[in-house]
């Protein structure tokens, strides 16, 4: 069933009492978190699709309404939740990876303070299992002034190189080839205001597995950076410092040091040009992962 207060419905544009509607700029905002580029790639495609020129007359006053714009905003940037007084958010999208069947801690922190929007959709990228991450995000959003209108999962490839390779090169190609169709599907739902939720395993079935396999480690993520090591290949280039989305790494004595507020996004280990960073012995001699078509500069926020 369609949601009649969808983001492109003019009736949703009623201004607060006494406010001049012609001064209100309608915008879409897509907030993303990404370590090695998968979620950023998807967020960029969504923003491009939703950024088409669009304007119309207000049905009551016949005043021109602002052309709709779509902003792409990193969740980790300073003041990412701030909204200008002359803006009204029609559609708010969240795009981020799943870590240990959970949303990243930084995403949950952002949800608690994110701005009000008429329509909210969530897109999870993952390499293996998504678990009950969508349910957890929906639960977090339900505690705010927003509601989650749609949720999607886009399986790609994991950057958590601790694990064995889970997809052949052919399957990786297949995963990336499906992104555009999924983005088109998502955007059509956004534009018409449809409610939608991708199928997922019941949390009643998933929770025992999650608790044993992931949840206990998930709570310890900020301090798991204690297991990062640096070998003699390090040239003190500072790439790891710049790509870390949460400003968790400093160069000291020409070597990176982690400050124990890690998200385990693995940006540092995967973008190091010398493969000088490892997380325990497991990652030694393993191939690093960066999303195809992305460069380290795409992930640098500062």
Protein backbone atom coordinates (compact mmCIF):
# COMPACT_ATOMS: atom_id res chain seq x y z
CA UNK A 1 0.00 0.00 0.00
CA UNK A 2 1.27 3.45 -0.83
CA UNK A 3 2.05 5.93 1.89
CA UNK A 4 0.02 9.02 1.03
CA UNK A 5 2.37 11.31 2.92
CA UNK A 6 5.24 10.28 0.68
CA UNK A 7 8.06 12.71 0.07
CA UNK A 8 6.79 14.04 -3.23
CA UNK A 9 3.18 14.64 -2.17
CA UNK A 10 2.44 18.41 -2.21
CA UNK A 11 -0.03 17.98 0.66
CA UNK A 12 2.91 17.06 2.90
CA UNK A 13 4.34 20.52 2.38
CA UNK A 14 2.04 22.43 4.73
CA UNK A 15 4.14 25.03 6.52
CA UNK A 16 3.93 25.77 10.24
CA UNK A 17 1.39 28.42 11.24
CA UNK A 18 2.52 31.88 10.21
CA UNK A 19 5.44 30.62 8.10
CA UNK A 20 5.78 31.70 4.48
CA UNK A 21 5.77 28.50 2.45
CA UNK A 22 7.68 30.12 -0.39
CA UNK A 23 10.72 30.44 1.91
CA UNK A 24 10.85 26.71 2.62
CA UNK A 25 13.28 24.68 0.54
CA UNK A 26 12.43 21.02 0.12
CA UNK A 27 15.38 18.68 0.24
CA UNK A 28 16.26 15.02 0.36
CA UNK A 29 19.19 14.06 2.57
CA UNK A 30 21.10 10.81 2.30
CA UNK A 31 23.41 10.10 5.22
CA UNK A 32 26.05 7.41 4.79
CA UNK A 33 28.78 5.61 6.69
CA UNK A 34 31.45 3.75 4.72
CA UNK A 35 34.90 2.33 5.35
CA UNK A 36 36.00 0.90 2.04
CA UNK A 37 33.38 2.32 -0.30
CA UNK A 38 30.50 -0.14 -0.73
CA UNK A 39 27.96 2.00 1.10
CA UNK A 40 29.31 5.20 -0.40
CA UNK A 41 28.89 3.75 -3.90
CA UNK A 42 25.25 2.90 -3.19
CA UNK A 43 24.62 6.28 -1.53
CA UNK A 44 26.04 8.14 -4.53
CA UNK A 45 23.82 6.22 -6.92
CA UNK A 46 20.75 6.94 -4.78
CA UNK A 47 21.61 10.64 -4.55
CA UNK A 48 22.12 10.90 -8.31
CA UNK A 49 18.79 9.19 -8.99
CA UNK A 50 16.87 11.38 -6.53
CA UNK A 51 18.54 14.63 -7.59
CA UNK A 52 16.50 15.14 -10.73
CA UNK A 53 15.16 18.68 -11.36
CA UNK A 54 11.68 18.99 -9.95
CA UNK A 55 9.29 21.84 -9.10
CA UNK A 56 5.57 22.46 -8.87
CA UNK A 57 2.93 24.92 -7.77
CA UNK A 58 1.40 24.82 -4.34
CA UNK A 59 -2.20 23.60 -4.89
CA UNK A 60 -3.68 26.16 -2.46
CA UNK A 61 -1.66 29.35 -2.94
CA UNK A 62 -0.33 28.67 -6.46
CA UNK A 63 3.09 29.74 -5.15
CA UNK A 64 6.20 28.18 -6.63
CA UNK A 65 7.67 25.50 -4.42
CA UNK A 66 11.43 25.09 -4.26
CA UNK A 67 13.17 22.70 -6.63
CA UNK A 68 13.93 19.52 -4.77
CA UNK A 69 17.60 18.86 -3.99
CA UNK A 70 19.37 15.79 -2.65
CA UNK A 71 22.34 16.15 -0.34
CA UNK A 72 24.86 13.39 0.33
CA UNK A 73 26.22 13.70 3.87
CA UNK A 74 28.75 11.51 5.74
CA UNK A 75 27.38 10.53 9.13
CA UNK A 76 30.85 10.93 10.60
CA UNK A 77 31.16 14.57 9.56
CA UNK A 78 30.84 17.28 12.18
CA UNK A 79 27.30 18.65 12.63
CA UNK A 80 25.91 16.09 10.18
CA UNK A 81 22.47 16.22 11.83
CA UNK A 82 22.05 19.99 11.55
CA UNK A 83 19.37 21.34 9.22
CA UNK A 84 18.94 24.92 8.04
CA UNK A 85 15.89 26.79 9.30
CA UNK A 86 14.62 27.26 5.72
CA UNK A 87 14.79 23.55 4.86
CA UNK A 88 12.16 20.84 5.06
CA UNK A 89 13.36 17.26 4.66
CA UNK A 90 10.97 15.31 2.51
CA UNK A 91 13.05 12.16 2.37
CA UNK A 92 15.88 11.00 4.61
CA UNK A 93 17.97 7.98 3.65
CA UNK A 94 20.47 6.06 5.76
CA UNK A 95 23.05 3.91 3.95
CA UNK A 96 25.62 1.91 5.89
CA UNK A 97 27.22 -1.53 6.26
CA UNK A 98 26.32 -4.29 8.69
CA UNK A 99 28.99 -5.21 11.24
CA UNK A 100 28.55 -8.49 13.10
CA UNK A 101 24.83 -8.47 12.22
CA UNK A 102 24.48 -5.02 13.78
CA UNK A 103 24.45 -1.41 12.60
CA UNK A 104 27.70 0.44 13.38
CA UNK A 105 27.68 2.19 16.77
CA UNK A 106 28.13 5.58 15.08
CA UNK A 107 24.93 5.00 13.08
CA UNK A 108 22.88 4.25 16.19
CA UNK A 109 24.26 7.40 17.82
CA UNK A 110 23.26 9.41 14.74
CA UNK A 111 19.74 7.95 14.62
CA UNK A 112 19.10 9.25 18.14
CA UNK A 113 19.68 12.84 16.96
CA UNK A 114 18.84 12.77 13.24
CA UNK A 115 16.46 15.44 11.93
CA UNK A 116 12.76 14.97 11.31
CA UNK A 117 11.70 13.87 7.84
CA UNK A 118 8.43 12.97 6.13
CA UNK A 119 9.81 9.67 4.85
CA UNK A 120 12.76 7.62 6.11
CA UNK A 121 14.37 4.71 4.30
CA UNK A 122 17.33 2.55 5.28
CA UNK A 123 19.73 0.64 3.02
CA UNK A 124 22.10 -1.92 4.50
CA UNK A 125 25.10 -3.25 2.59
CA UNK A 126 26.59 -6.53 3.70
CA UNK A 127 29.01 -9.23 2.71
CA UNK A 128 27.49 -12.25 4.39
CA UNK A 129 24.54 -12.33 6.77
CA UNK A 130 22.52 -9.30 7.76
CA UNK A 131 20.99 -10.98 10.81
CA UNK A 132 18.34 -8.82 12.45
CA UNK A 133 20.10 -5.53 11.74
CA UNK A 134 17.05 -4.02 10.01
CA UNK A 135 14.90 -4.78 13.05
CA UNK A 136 17.48 -3.15 15.31
CA UNK A 137 17.57 -0.02 13.15
CA UNK A 138 13.78 0.14 13.05
CA UNK A 139 13.64 -0.20 16.83
CA UNK A 140 16.15 2.65 17.22
CA UNK A 141 14.21 4.91 14.84
CA UNK A 142 10.92 4.13 16.60
CA UNK A 143 12.37 5.75 19.73
CA UNK A 144 12.76 9.08 17.90
CA UNK A 145 10.40 11.58 16.26
CA UNK A 146 10.79 9.69 12.98
CA UNK A 147 9.42 6.44 11.63
CA UNK A 148 11.11 3.95 9.32
CA UNK A 149 9.07 3.72 6.12
CA UNK A 150 11.26 1.31 4.18
CA UNK A 151 14.25 -0.97 4.64
CA UNK A 152 16.48 -2.66 2.08
CA UNK A 153 19.49 -4.97 1.97
CA UNK A 154 22.10 -4.93 -0.81
CA UNK A 155 24.51 -7.90 -0.58
CA UNK A 156 27.94 -7.02 -1.94
CA UNK A 157 31.25 -8.27 -0.57
CA UNK A 158 32.68 -8.11 2.93
CA UNK A 159 35.72 -5.96 3.70
CA UNK A 160 36.23 -7.92 6.94
CA UNK A 161 39.23 -9.81 5.63
CA UNK A 162 39.52 -11.76 8.87
CA UNK A 163 36.96 -14.12 7.38
CA UNK A 164 37.58 -16.51 4.48
CA UNK A 165 36.62 -15.25 1.03
CA UNK A 166 32.90 -15.93 0.69
CA UNK A 167 32.28 -15.11 -3.00
CA UNK A 168 33.99 -16.06 -6.22
CA UNK A 169 34.98 -13.27 -8.59
CA UNK A 170 31.99 -14.20 -10.74
CA UNK A 171 29.60 -13.83 -7.81
CA UNK A 172 31.18 -10.51 -6.90
CA UNK A 173 30.54 -9.30 -10.46
CA UNK A 174 26.95 -10.50 -10.17
CA UNK A 175 26.46 -8.66 -6.87
CA UNK A 176 27.71 -5.35 -8.25
CA UNK A 177 25.73 -5.76 -11.47
CA UNK A 178 22.50 -5.80 -9.44
CA UNK A 179 23.10 -2.47 -7.66
CA UNK A 180 21.54 -0.25 -10.34
CA UNK A 181 18.32 -2.27 -10.50
CA UNK A 182 18.01 -2.21 -6.72
CA UNK A 183 18.66 1.54 -6.61
CA UNK A 184 15.96 2.10 -9.24
CA UNK A 185 13.53 0.00 -7.21
CA UNK A 186 14.33 1.92 -4.01
CA UNK A 187 13.97 5.32 -5.66
CA UNK A 188 10.62 4.45 -7.23
CA UNK A 189 9.35 3.54 -3.78
CA UNK A 190 10.73 6.77 -2.35
CA UNK A 191 9.16 8.89 -5.06
CA UNK A 192 5.73 7.30 -4.58
CA UNK A 193 5.99 7.07 -0.80
CA UNK A 194 5.59 3.29 -0.62
CA UNK A 195 6.18 1.33 2.53
CA UNK A 196 8.51 -1.59 1.92
CA UNK A 197 10.66 -3.94 3.95
CA UNK A 198 13.00 -6.50 2.41
CA UNK A 199 12.41 -9.99 3.70
CA UNK A 200 14.58 -10.95 6.63
CA UNK A 201 14.83 -13.76 9.12
CA UNK A 202 12.67 -13.39 12.20
CA UNK A 203 14.64 -11.91 15.12
CA UNK A 204 13.30 -14.74 17.28
CA UNK A 205 15.31 -17.17 15.14
CA UNK A 206 18.31 -14.93 14.60
CA UNK A 207 18.88 -13.63 18.13
CA UNK A 208 20.35 -16.83 19.69
CA UNK A 209 22.85 -17.12 16.82
CA UNK A 210 23.71 -13.42 16.97
CA UNK A 211 24.23 -13.48 20.71
CA UNK A 212 26.64 -16.41 20.56
CA UNK A 213 28.50 -15.36 17.42
CA UNK A 214 28.46 -11.58 17.31
CA UNK A 215 26.66 -9.56 19.97
CA UNK A 216 29.22 -10.06 22.72
CA UNK A 217 32.06 -9.00 20.41
CA UNK A 218 29.97 -6.15 18.96
CA UNK A 219 29.83 -4.45 22.35
CA UNK A 220 33.63 -4.55 22.52
CA UNK A 221 34.21 -3.08 19.05
CA UNK A 222 35.61 0.30 20.18
CA UNK A 223 38.57 -1.42 21.83
CA UNK A 224 39.17 -4.14 19.26
CA UNK A 225 41.66 -1.77 17.64
CA UNK A 226 44.15 -2.99 20.27
CA UNK A 227 44.72 -5.95 17.95
CA UNK A 228 45.97 -3.83 15.05
CA UNK A 229 49.69 -4.07 14.40
CA UNK A 230 52.03 -2.26 12.01
CA UNK A 231 55.02 -3.84 10.30
CA UNK A 232 58.20 -2.35 8.85
CA UNK A 233 56.55 -1.70 5.49
CA UNK A 234 54.92 1.41 6.98
CA UNK A 235 56.17 4.63 5.38
CA UNK A 236 54.26 7.00 7.69
CA UNK A 237 52.26 8.25 4.68
CA UNK A 238 49.25 8.95 6.89
CA UNK A 239 46.67 7.29 4.65
CA UNK A 240 45.25 5.37 7.60
CA UNK A 241 44.84 8.58 9.58
CA UNK A 242 43.00 10.32 6.75
CA UNK A 243 40.63 7.51 5.77
CA UNK A 244 39.53 6.70 9.33
CA UNK A 245 35.96 8.04 9.43
CA UNK A 246 35.92 8.47 13.20
CA UNK A 247 39.31 10.17 13.63
CA UNK A 248 40.58 7.23 15.68
CA UNK A 249 44.19 7.10 14.44
CA UNK A 250 47.19 9.35 15.13
CA UNK A 251 50.72 9.15 13.80
CA UNK A 252 53.20 8.96 16.65
CA UNK A 253 56.90 8.42 16.04
CA UNK A 254 55.98 7.83 12.38
CA UNK A 255 53.69 4.90 13.23
CA UNK A 256 49.88 4.81 13.51
CA UNK A 257 48.33 4.47 16.94
CA UNK A 258 44.67 3.69 17.57
CA UNK A 259 42.68 5.54 20.23
CA UNK A 260 40.06 2.93 21.15
CA UNK A 261 36.94 4.45 19.65
CA UNK A 262 37.09 2.16 16.63
CA UNK A 263 34.13 1.12 14.47
CA UNK A 264 35.99 -1.84 12.92
CA UNK A 265 35.24 -0.47 9.45
CA UNK A 266 38.68 -1.77 8.35
CA UNK A 267 39.35 1.36 6.28
CA UNK A 268 42.88 1.61 7.70
CA UNK A 269 43.91 -1.95 6.93
CA UNK A 270 42.33 -2.05 3.47
CA UNK A 271 43.49 1.34 2.21
CA UNK A 272 47.10 1.12 3.47
CA UNK A 273 49.15 1.31 0.24
CA UNK A 274 51.91 -0.86 1.70
CA UNK A 275 49.68 -3.48 3.39
CA UNK A 276 51.59 -2.61 6.53
CA UNK A 277 48.60 -2.91 8.89
CA UNK A 278 47.23 -6.19 10.19
CA UNK A 279 44.52 -7.17 12.63
CA UNK A 280 45.92 -10.16 14.51
CA UNK A 281 47.94 -12.70 12.55
CA UNK A 282 44.87 -13.77 10.59
CA UNK A 283 45.11 -10.96 8.04
CA UNK A 284 48.76 -11.42 7.15
CA UNK A 285 49.22 -12.20 3.44
CA UNK A 286 45.51 -11.75 2.77
CA UNK A 287 44.30 -9.66 -0.14
CA UNK A 288 42.98 -6.25 0.85
CA UNK A 289 39.58 -5.00 -0.27
CA UNK A 290 38.49 -1.68 -1.73
CA UNK A 291 35.19 -1.15 -3.47
CA UNK A 292 35.68 -1.10 -7.23
CA UNK A 293 35.73 2.38 -8.68
CA UNK A 294 36.65 3.95 -5.33
CA UNK A 295 39.88 5.58 -4.21
CA UNK A 296 41.08 6.44 -0.75
CA UNK A 297 40.40 10.13 -1.45
CA UNK A 298 36.70 9.33 -1.83
CA UNK A 299 36.54 8.26 1.81
CA UNK A 300 38.55 11.10 3.33
CA UNK A 301 36.30 13.47 5.31
CA UNK A 302 38.92 15.95 6.53
